[in-house]
Amino acid sequence: MRIKTATYKLFSHIFLLISLILIFFSFLYKDWNVHQYEIISLAVAIYLGSSMIYHYFDKTLTLEVGLEYVLIGLLAFLVVFGVAI
């Protein structure tokens, strides 16, 4: 059981790293707002997906946890998209 949890944590960290890299690359497209929107949306979707999967397999996924991640993802989207424009 510990190996599965460690594997899920590793995948979660990899997806988080990919999300951060995508957000970094979104700043390279300052003149192309459509691409920034797509990249930031993809990064937030990866963040939400990986966190939900992690909590599902850790058996700690509840409505409150899911709502918290959705709200944090929305806030992160608004902050990063506001800075990127």
PDB file of N, CA and C in Angstrom:
ATOM      1  N   MET A   1       0.820  -1.196   0.000  1.00  0.00           N
ATOM      2  CA  MET A   1       0.000   0.000   0.000  1.00  0.00           C
ATOM      3  C   MET A   1       0.861   1.256   0.000  1.00  0.00           C
ATOM      4  N   ARG A   2       1.993   1.223   0.693  1.00  0.00           N
ATOM      5  CA  ARG A   2       2.856   2.395   0.751  1.00  0.00           C
ATOM      6  C   ARG A   2       3.471   2.700  -0.612  1.00  0.00           C
ATOM      7  N   ILE A   3       3.722   1.668  -1.406  1.00  0.00           N
ATOM      8  CA  ILE A   3       4.306   1.880  -2.737  1.00  0.00           C
ATOM      9  C   ILE A   3       3.296   2.607  -3.626  1.00  0.00           C
ATOM     10  N   LYS A   4       2.027   2.228  -3.534  1.00  0.00           N
ATOM     11  CA  LYS A   4       1.004   2.899  -4.331  1.00  0.00           C
ATOM     12  C   LYS A   4       0.894   4.374  -3.939  1.00  0.00           C
ATOM     13  N   THR A   5       0.900   4.645  -2.651  1.00  0.00           N
ATOM     14  CA  THR A   5       0.804   6.025  -2.189  1.00  0.00           C
ATOM     15  C   THR A   5       2.011   6.826  -2.650  1.00  0.00           C
ATOM     16  N   ALA A   6       3.197   6.242  -2.569  1.00  0.00           N
ATOM     17  CA  ALA A   6       4.410   6.930  -3.032  1.00  0.00           C
ATOM     18  C   ALA A   6       4.345   7.182  -4.522  1.00  0.00           C
ATOM     19  N   THR A   7       3.815   6.238  -5.277  1.00  0.00           N
ATOM     20  CA  THR A   7       3.679   6.414  -6.725  1.00  0.00           C
ATOM     21  C   THR A   7       2.716   7.540  -7.051  1.00  0.00           C
ATOM     22  N   TYR A   8       1.593   7.586  -6.351  1.00  0.00           N
ATOM     23  CA  TYR A   8       0.623   8.649  -6.599  1.00  0.00           C
ATOM     24  C   TYR A   8       1.188  10.010  -6.217  1.00  0.00           C
ATOM     25  N   LYS A   9       1.966  10.058  -5.138  1.00  0.00           N
ATOM     26  CA  LYS A   9       2.603  11.315  -4.747  1.00  0.00           C
ATOM     27  C   LYS A   9       3.605  11.755  -5.808  1.00  0.00           C
ATOM     28  N   LEU A  10       4.358  10.804  -6.365  1.00  0.00           N
ATOM     29  CA  LEU A  10       5.323  11.127  -7.409  1.00  0.00           C
ATOM     30  C   LEU A  10       4.613  11.691  -8.638  1.00  0.00           C
ATOM     31  N   PHE A  11       3.532  11.040  -9.069  1.00  0.00           N
ATOM     32  CA  PHE A  11       2.776  11.539 -10.213  1.00  0.00           C
ATOM     33  C   PHE A  11       2.180  12.908  -9.924  1.00  0.00           C
ATOM     34  N   SER A  12       1.715  13.115  -8.717  1.00  0.00           N
ATOM     35  CA  SER A  12       1.159  14.409  -8.339  1.00  0.00           C
ATOM     36  C   SER A  12       2.218  15.502  -8.435  1.00  0.00           C
ATOM     37  N   HIS A  13       3.410  15.211  -7.972  1.00  0.00           N
ATOM     38  CA  HIS A  13       4.496  16.193  -8.035  1.00  0.00           C
ATOM     39  C   HIS A  13       4.928  16.449  -9.476  1.00  0.00           C
ATOM     40  N   ILE A  14       4.929  15.406 -10.295  1.00  0.00           N
ATOM     41  CA  ILE A  14       5.285  15.580 -11.712  1.00  0.00           C
ATOM     42  C   ILE A  14       4.256  16.470 -12.400  1.00  0.00           C
ATOM     43  N   PHE A  15       2.964  16.228 -12.162  1.00  0.00           N
ATOM     44  CA  PHE A  15       1.933  17.053 -12.771  1.00  0.00           C
ATOM     45  C   PHE A  15       1.997  18.494 -12.276  1.00  0.00           C
ATOM     46  N   LEU A  16       2.324  18.685 -11.012  1.00  0.00           N
ATOM     47  CA  LEU A  16       2.482  20.040 -10.488  1.00  0.00           C
ATOM     48  C   LEU A  16       3.643  20.749 -11.175  1.00  0.00           C
ATOM     49  N   LEU A  17       4.737  20.039 -11.383  1.00  0.00           N
ATOM     50  CA  LEU A  17       5.882  20.617 -12.080  1.00  0.00           C
ATOM     51  C   LEU A  17       5.522  20.977 -13.517  1.00  0.00           C
ATOM     52  N   ILE A  18       4.785  20.116 -14.196  1.00  0.00           N
ATOM     53  CA  ILE A  18       4.343  20.403 -15.561  1.00  0.00           C
ATOM     54  C   ILE A  18       3.457  21.644 -15.575  1.00  0.00           C
ATOM     55  N   SER A  19       2.563  21.776 -14.600  1.00  0.00           N
ATOM     56  CA  SER A  19       1.697  22.962 -14.525  1.00  0.00           C
ATOM     57  C   SER A  19       2.518  24.228 -14.350  1.00  0.00           C
ATOM     58  N   LEU A  20       3.519  24.192 -13.486  1.00  0.00           N
ATOM     59  CA  LEU A  20       4.368  25.371 -13.280  1.00  0.00           C
ATOM     60  C   LEU A  20       5.155  25.722 -14.534  1.00  0.00           C
ATOM     61  N   ILE A  21       5.638  24.718 -15.249  1.00  0.00           N
ATOM     62  CA  ILE A  21       6.361  24.965 -16.498  1.00  0.00           C
ATOM     63  C   ILE A  21       5.434  25.588 -17.528  1.00  0.00           C
ATOM     64  N   LEU A  22       4.209  25.089 -17.622  1.00  0.00           N
ATOM     65  CA  LEU A  22       3.251  25.665 -18.568  1.00  0.00           C
ATOM     66  C   LEU A  22       2.936  27.115 -18.223  1.00  0.00           C
ATOM     67  N   ILE A  23       2.780  27.418 -16.962  1.00  0.00           N
ATOM     68  CA  ILE A  23       2.511  28.800 -16.564  1.00  0.00           C
ATOM     69  C   ILE A  23       3.700  29.687 -16.910  1.00  0.00           C
ATOM     70  N   PHE A  24       4.920  29.184 -16.699  1.00  0.00           N
ATOM     71  CA  PHE A  24       6.109  29.945 -17.077  1.00  0.00           C
ATOM     72  C   PHE A  24       6.116  30.235 -18.571  1.00  0.00           C
ATOM     73  N   PHE A  25       5.806  29.226 -19.394  1.00  0.00           N
ATOM     74  CA  PHE A  25       5.793  29.431 -20.835  1.00  0.00           C
ATOM     75  C   PHE A  25       4.678  30.362 -21.291  1.00  0.00           C
ATOM     76  N   SER A  26       3.628  30.494 -20.489  1.00  0.00           N
ATOM     77  CA  SER A  26       2.547  31.401 -20.874  1.00  0.00           C
ATOM     78  C   SER A  26       3.023  32.850 -20.908  1.00  0.00           C
ATOM     79  N   PHE A  27       4.053  33.170 -20.115  1.00  0.00           N
ATOM     80  CA  PHE A  27       4.580  34.529 -20.127  1.00  0.00           C
ATOM     81  C   PHE A  27       5.367  34.829 -21.400  1.00  0.00           C
ATOM     82  N   LEU A  28       5.745  33.809 -22.161  1.00  0.00           N
ATOM     83  CA  LEU A  28       6.451  34.014 -23.421  1.00  0.00           C
ATOM     84  C   LEU A  28       5.499  34.461 -24.535  1.00  0.00           C
ATOM     85  N   TYR A  29       4.205  34.252 -24.357  1.00  0.00           N
ATOM     86  CA  TYR A  29       3.213  34.594 -25.365  1.00  0.00           C
ATOM     87  C   TYR A  29       2.461  35.863 -24.972  1.00  0.00           C
ATOM     88  N   LYS A  30       3.171  36.894 -24.616  1.00  0.00           N
ATOM     89  CA  LYS A  30       2.508  38.128 -24.164  1.00  0.00           C
ATOM     90  C   LYS A  30       1.652  38.764 -25.256  1.00  0.00           C
ATOM     91  N   ASP A  31       2.031  38.610 -26.521  1.00  0.00           N
ATOM     92  CA  ASP A  31       1.267  39.218 -27.609  1.00  0.00           C
ATOM     93  C   ASP A  31       0.112  38.335 -28.076  1.00  0.00           C
ATOM     94  N   TRP A  32       0.082  37.094 -27.672  1.00  0.00           N
ATOM     95  CA  TRP A  32      -0.949  36.165 -28.121  1.00  0.00           C
ATOM     96  C   TRP A  32      -1.805  35.751 -26.940  1.00  0.00           C
ATOM     97  N   ASN A  33      -2.837  36.517 -26.663  1.00  0.00           N
ATOM     98  CA  ASN A  33      -3.675  36.263 -25.493  1.00  0.00           C
ATOM     99  C   ASN A  33      -4.412  34.932 -25.568  1.00  0.00           C
ATOM    100  N   VAL A  34      -4.749  34.488 -26.790  1.00  0.00           N
ATOM    101  CA  VAL A  34      -5.466  33.220 -26.926  1.00  0.00           C
ATOM    102  C   VAL A  34      -4.589  32.069 -26.444  1.00  0.00           C
ATOM    103  N   HIS A  35      -3.310  32.088 -26.793  1.00  0.00           N
ATOM    104  CA  HIS A  35      -2.409  31.018 -26.373  1.00  0.00           C
ATOM    105  C   HIS A  35      -2.166  31.069 -24.865  1.00  0.00           C
ATOM    106  N   GLN A  36      -2.084  32.269 -24.307  1.00  0.00           N
ATOM    107  CA  GLN A  36      -1.936  32.381 -22.859  1.00  0.00           C
ATOM    108  C   GLN A  36      -3.135  31.763 -22.156  1.00  0.00           C
ATOM    109  N   TYR A  37      -4.311  32.053 -22.651  1.00  0.00           N
ATOM    110  CA  TYR A  37      -5.535  31.526 -22.061  1.00  0.00           C
ATOM    111  C   TYR A  37      -5.533  30.004 -22.106  1.00  0.00           C
ATOM    112  N   GLU A  38      -5.134  29.435 -23.252  1.00  0.00           N
ATOM    113  CA  GLU A  38      -5.107  27.984 -23.396  1.00  0.00           C
ATOM    114  C   GLU A  38      -4.075  27.346 -22.474  1.00  0.00           C
ATOM    115  N   ILE A  39      -2.889  27.929 -22.399  1.00  0.00           N
ATOM    116  CA  ILE A  39      -1.819  27.358 -21.586  1.00  0.00           C
ATOM    117  C   ILE A  39      -2.181  27.415 -20.103  1.00  0.00           C
ATOM    118  N   ILE A  40      -2.703  28.533 -19.657  1.00  0.00           N
ATOM    119  CA  ILE A  40      -3.056  28.669 -18.247  1.00  0.00           C
ATOM    120  C   ILE A  40      -4.234  27.753 -17.906  1.00  0.00           C
ATOM    121  N   SER A  41      -5.194  27.632 -18.808  1.00  0.00           N
ATOM    122  CA  SER A  41      -6.318  26.721 -18.583  1.00  0.00           C
ATOM    123  C   SER A  41      -5.832  25.280 -18.478  1.00  0.00           C
ATOM    124  N   LEU A  42      -4.911  24.895 -19.339  1.00  0.00           N
ATOM    125  CA  LEU A  42      -4.359  23.550 -19.300  1.00  0.00           C
ATOM    126  C   LEU A  42      -3.604  23.302 -17.999  1.00  0.00           C
ATOM    127  N   ALA A  43      -2.841  24.286 -17.551  1.00  0.00           N
ATOM    128  CA  ALA A  43      -2.091  24.141 -16.298  1.00  0.00           C
ATOM    129  C   ALA A  43      -3.042  23.975 -15.112  1.00  0.00           C
ATOM    130  N   VAL A  44      -4.096  24.757 -15.070  1.00  0.00           N
ATOM    131  CA  VAL A  44      -5.066  24.646 -13.970  1.00  0.00           C
ATOM    132  C   VAL A  44      -5.801  23.305 -14.055  1.00  0.00           C
ATOM    133  N   ALA A  45      -6.130  22.859 -15.253  1.00  0.00           N
ATOM    134  CA  ALA A  45      -6.808  21.569 -15.414  1.00  0.00           C
ATOM    135  C   ALA A  45      -5.910  20.420 -14.955  1.00  0.00           C
ATOM    136  N   ILE A  46      -4.621  20.484 -15.275  1.00  0.00           N
ATOM    137  CA  ILE A  46      -3.685  19.456 -14.811  1.00  0.00           C
ATOM    138  C   ILE A  46      -3.596  19.481 -13.292  1.00  0.00           C
ATOM    139  N   TYR A  47      -3.539  20.672 -12.724  1.00  0.00           N
ATOM    140  CA  TYR A  47      -3.487  20.807 -11.268  1.00  0.00           C
ATOM    141  C   TYR A  47      -4.728  20.199 -10.618  1.00  0.00           C
ATOM    142  N   LEU A  48      -5.894  20.531 -11.136  1.00  0.00           N
ATOM    143  CA  LEU A  48      -7.133  19.999 -10.571  1.00  0.00           C
ATOM    144  C   LEU A  48      -7.211  18.486 -10.736  1.00  0.00           C
ATOM    145  N   GLY A  49      -6.872  18.017 -11.920  1.00  0.00           N
ATOM    146  CA  GLY A  49      -6.935  16.583 -12.173  1.00  0.00           C
ATOM    147  C   GLY A  49      -5.996  15.793 -11.295  1.00  0.00           C
ATOM    148  N   SER A  50      -4.768  16.249 -11.191  1.00  0.00           N
ATOM    149  CA  SER A  50      -3.799  15.498 -10.383  1.00  0.00           C
ATOM    150  C   SER A  50      -4.154  15.536  -8.897  1.00  0.00           C
ATOM    151  N   SER A  51      -4.657  16.659  -8.422  1.00  0.00           N
ATOM    152  CA  SER A  51      -5.020  16.731  -7.005  1.00  0.00           C
ATOM    153  C   SER A  51      -6.247  15.878  -6.704  1.00  0.00           C
ATOM    154  N   MET A  52      -7.217  15.866  -7.594  1.00  0.00           N
ATOM    155  CA  MET A  52      -8.396  15.035  -7.375  1.00  0.00           C
ATOM    156  C   MET A  52      -8.036  13.549  -7.418  1.00  0.00           C
ATOM    157  N   ILE A  53      -7.195  13.171  -8.367  1.00  0.00           N
ATOM    158  CA  ILE A  53      -6.769  11.766  -8.460  1.00  0.00           C
ATOM    159  C   ILE A  53      -5.993  11.363  -7.218  1.00  0.00           C
ATOM    160  N   TYR A  54      -5.113  12.241  -6.762  1.00  0.00           N
ATOM    161  CA  TYR A  54      -4.332  11.926  -5.567  1.00  0.00           C
ATOM    162  C   TYR A  54      -5.231  11.703  -4.362  1.00  0.00           C
ATOM    163  N   HIS A  55      -6.185  12.603  -4.140  1.00  0.00           N
ATOM    164  CA  HIS A  55      -7.066  12.467  -2.982  1.00  0.00           C
ATOM    165  C   HIS A  55      -8.030  11.294  -3.129  1.00  0.00           C
ATOM    166  N   TYR A  56      -8.394  10.982  -4.373  1.00  0.00           N
ATOM    167  CA  TYR A  56      -9.263   9.821  -4.592  1.00  0.00           C
ATOM    168  C   TYR A  56      -8.555   8.543  -4.160  1.00  0.00           C
ATOM    169  N   PHE A  57      -7.324   8.356  -4.601  1.00  0.00           N
ATOM    170  CA  PHE A  57      -6.596   7.143  -4.247  1.00  0.00           C
ATOM    171  C   PHE A  57      -6.125   7.141  -2.800  1.00  0.00           C
ATOM    172  N   ASP A  58      -5.991   8.311  -2.206  1.00  0.00           N
ATOM    173  CA  ASP A  58      -5.619   8.412  -0.793  1.00  0.00           C
ATOM    174  C   ASP A  58      -6.848   8.265   0.106  1.00  0.00           C
ATOM    175  N   LYS A  59      -8.025   8.153  -0.512  1.00  0.00           N
ATOM    176  CA  LYS A  59      -9.308   8.013   0.182  1.00  0.00           C
ATOM    177  C   LYS A  59      -9.628   9.216   1.068  1.00  0.00           C
ATOM    178  N   THR A  60      -9.191  10.399   0.654  1.00  0.00           N
ATOM    179  CA  THR A  60      -9.483  11.616   1.412  1.00  0.00           C
ATOM    180  C   THR A  60     -10.278  12.625   0.585  1.00  0.00           C
ATOM    181  N   LEU A  61     -10.795  12.182  -0.557  1.00  0.00           N
ATOM    182  CA  LEU A  61     -11.545  13.095  -1.418  1.00  0.00           C
ATOM    183  C   LEU A  61     -12.957  13.260  -0.881  1.00  0.00           C
ATOM    184  N   THR A  62     -13.272  14.481  -0.489  1.00  0.00           N
ATOM    185  CA  THR A  62     -14.616  14.820  -0.044  1.00  0.00           C
ATOM    186  C   THR A  62     -15.085  16.022  -0.859  1.00  0.00           C
ATOM    187  N   LEU A  63     -16.333  16.381  -0.673  1.00  0.00           N
ATOM    188  CA  LEU A  63     -16.877  17.529  -1.385  1.00  0.00           C
ATOM    189  C   LEU A  63     -16.124  18.798  -1.007  1.00  0.00           C
ATOM    190  N   GLU A  64     -15.788  18.936   0.268  1.00  0.00           N
ATOM    191  CA  GLU A  64     -15.078  20.132   0.728  1.00  0.00           C
ATOM    192  C   GLU A  64     -13.685  20.227   0.107  1.00  0.00           C
ATOM    193  N   VAL A  65     -12.982  19.092   0.036  1.00  0.00           N
ATOM    194  CA  VAL A  65     -11.643  19.076  -0.557  1.00  0.00           C
ATOM    195  C   VAL A  65     -11.731  19.413  -2.044  1.00  0.00           C
ATOM    196  N   GLY A  66     -12.689  18.818  -2.737  1.00  0.00           N
ATOM    197  CA  GLY A  66     -12.870  19.098  -4.157  1.00  0.00           C
ATOM    198  C   GLY A  66     -13.204  20.558  -4.412  1.00  0.00           C
ATOM    199  N   LEU A  67     -14.102  21.114  -3.601  1.00  0.00           N
ATOM    200  CA  LEU A  67     -14.472  22.520  -3.742  1.00  0.00           C
ATOM    201  C   LEU A  67     -13.285  23.428  -3.459  1.00  0.00           C
ATOM    202  N   GLU A  68     -12.493  23.065  -2.475  1.00  0.00           N
ATOM    203  CA  GLU A  68     -11.301  23.855  -2.154  1.00  0.00           C
ATOM    204  C   GLU A  68     -10.336  23.897  -3.340  1.00  0.00           C
ATOM    205  N   TYR A  69     -10.095  22.742  -3.959  1.00  0.00           N
ATOM    206  CA  TYR A  69      -9.189  22.714  -5.106  1.00  0.00           C
ATOM    207  C   TYR A  69      -9.752  23.487  -6.296  1.00  0.00           C
ATOM    208  N   VAL A  70     -11.038  23.394  -6.517  1.00  0.00           N
ATOM    209  CA  VAL A  70     -11.646  24.147  -7.626  1.00  0.00           C
ATOM    210  C   VAL A  70     -11.507  25.645  -7.382  1.00  0.00           C
ATOM    211  N   LEU A  71     -11.779  26.091  -6.158  1.00  0.00           N
ATOM    212  CA  LEU A  71     -11.664  27.521  -5.854  1.00  0.00           C
ATOM    213  C   LEU A  71     -10.213  28.006  -5.923  1.00  0.00           C
ATOM    214  N   ILE A  72      -9.274  27.206  -5.448  1.00  0.00           N
ATOM    215  CA  ILE A  72      -7.865  27.587  -5.545  1.00  0.00           C
ATOM    216  C   ILE A  72      -7.422  27.606  -6.999  1.00  0.00           C
ATOM    217  N   GLY A  73      -7.881  26.651  -7.796  1.00  0.00           N
ATOM    218  CA  GLY A  73      -7.565  26.651  -9.227  1.00  0.00           C
ATOM    219  C   GLY A  73      -8.130  27.872  -9.924  1.00  0.00           C
ATOM    220  N   LEU A  74      -9.351  28.247  -9.588  1.00  0.00           N
ATOM    221  CA  LEU A  74      -9.960  29.441 -10.170  1.00  0.00           C
ATOM    222  C   LEU A  74      -9.205  30.696  -9.761  1.00  0.00           C
ATOM    223  N   LEU A  75      -8.842  30.793  -8.502  1.00  0.00           N
ATOM    224  CA  LEU A  75      -8.073  31.937  -8.026  1.00  0.00           C
ATOM    225  C   LEU A  75      -6.706  32.002  -8.713  1.00  0.00           C
ATOM    226  N   ALA A  76      -6.047  30.866  -8.830  1.00  0.00           N
ATOM    227  CA  ALA A  76      -4.743  30.829  -9.503  1.00  0.00           C
ATOM    228  C   ALA A  76      -4.886  31.243 -10.966  1.00  0.00           C
ATOM    229  N   PHE A  77      -5.955  30.774 -11.623  1.00  0.00           N
ATOM    230  CA  PHE A  77      -6.195  31.155 -13.010  1.00  0.00           C
ATOM    231  C   PHE A  77      -6.368  32.666 -13.137  1.00  0.00           C
ATOM    232  N   LEU A  78      -7.170  33.234 -12.260  1.00  0.00           N
ATOM    233  CA  LEU A  78      -7.422  34.681 -12.327  1.00  0.00           C
ATOM    234  C   LEU A  78      -6.172  35.491 -12.031  1.00  0.00           C
ATOM    235  N   VAL A  79      -5.390  35.060 -11.054  1.00  0.00           N
ATOM    236  CA  VAL A  79      -4.172  35.785 -10.707  1.00  0.00           C
ATOM    237  C   VAL A  79      -3.145  35.692 -11.821  1.00  0.00           C
ATOM    238  N   VAL A  80      -2.889  34.474 -12.290  1.00  0.00           N
ATOM    239  CA  VAL A  80      -1.864  34.297 -13.334  1.00  0.00           C
ATOM    240  C   VAL A  80      -2.311  34.936 -14.629  1.00  0.00           C
ATOM    241  N   PHE A  81      -3.575  34.805 -15.010  1.00  0.00           N
ATOM    242  CA  PHE A  81      -4.033  35.419 -16.255  1.00  0.00           C
ATOM    243  C   PHE A  81      -4.013  36.939 -16.139  1.00  0.00           C
ATOM    244  N   GLY A  82      -4.303  37.464 -14.964  1.00  0.00           N
ATOM    245  CA  GLY A  82      -4.234  38.908 -14.765  1.00  0.00           C
ATOM    246  C   GLY A  82      -2.815  39.439 -14.857  1.00  0.00           C
ATOM    247  N   VAL A  83      -1.848  38.678 -14.367  1.00  0.00           N
ATOM    248  CA  VAL A  83      -0.439  39.086 -14.444  1.00  0.00           C
ATOM    249  C   VAL A  83       0.092  38.912 -15.859  1.00  0.00           C
ATOM    250  N   ALA A  84      -0.373  37.869 -16.560  1.00  0.00           N
ATOM    251  CA  ALA A  84       0.167  37.561 -17.877  1.00  0.00           C
ATOM    252  C   ALA A  84      -0.276  38.562 -18.944  1.00  0.00           C
ATOM    253  N   ILE A  85      -1.410  39.237 -18.719  1.00  0.00           N
ATOM    254  CA  ILE A  85      -1.907  40.165 -19.739  1.00  0.00           C
ATOM    255  C   ILE A  85      -1.147  41.417 -19.720  1.00  0.00           C
TER     256      ILE A  85
END
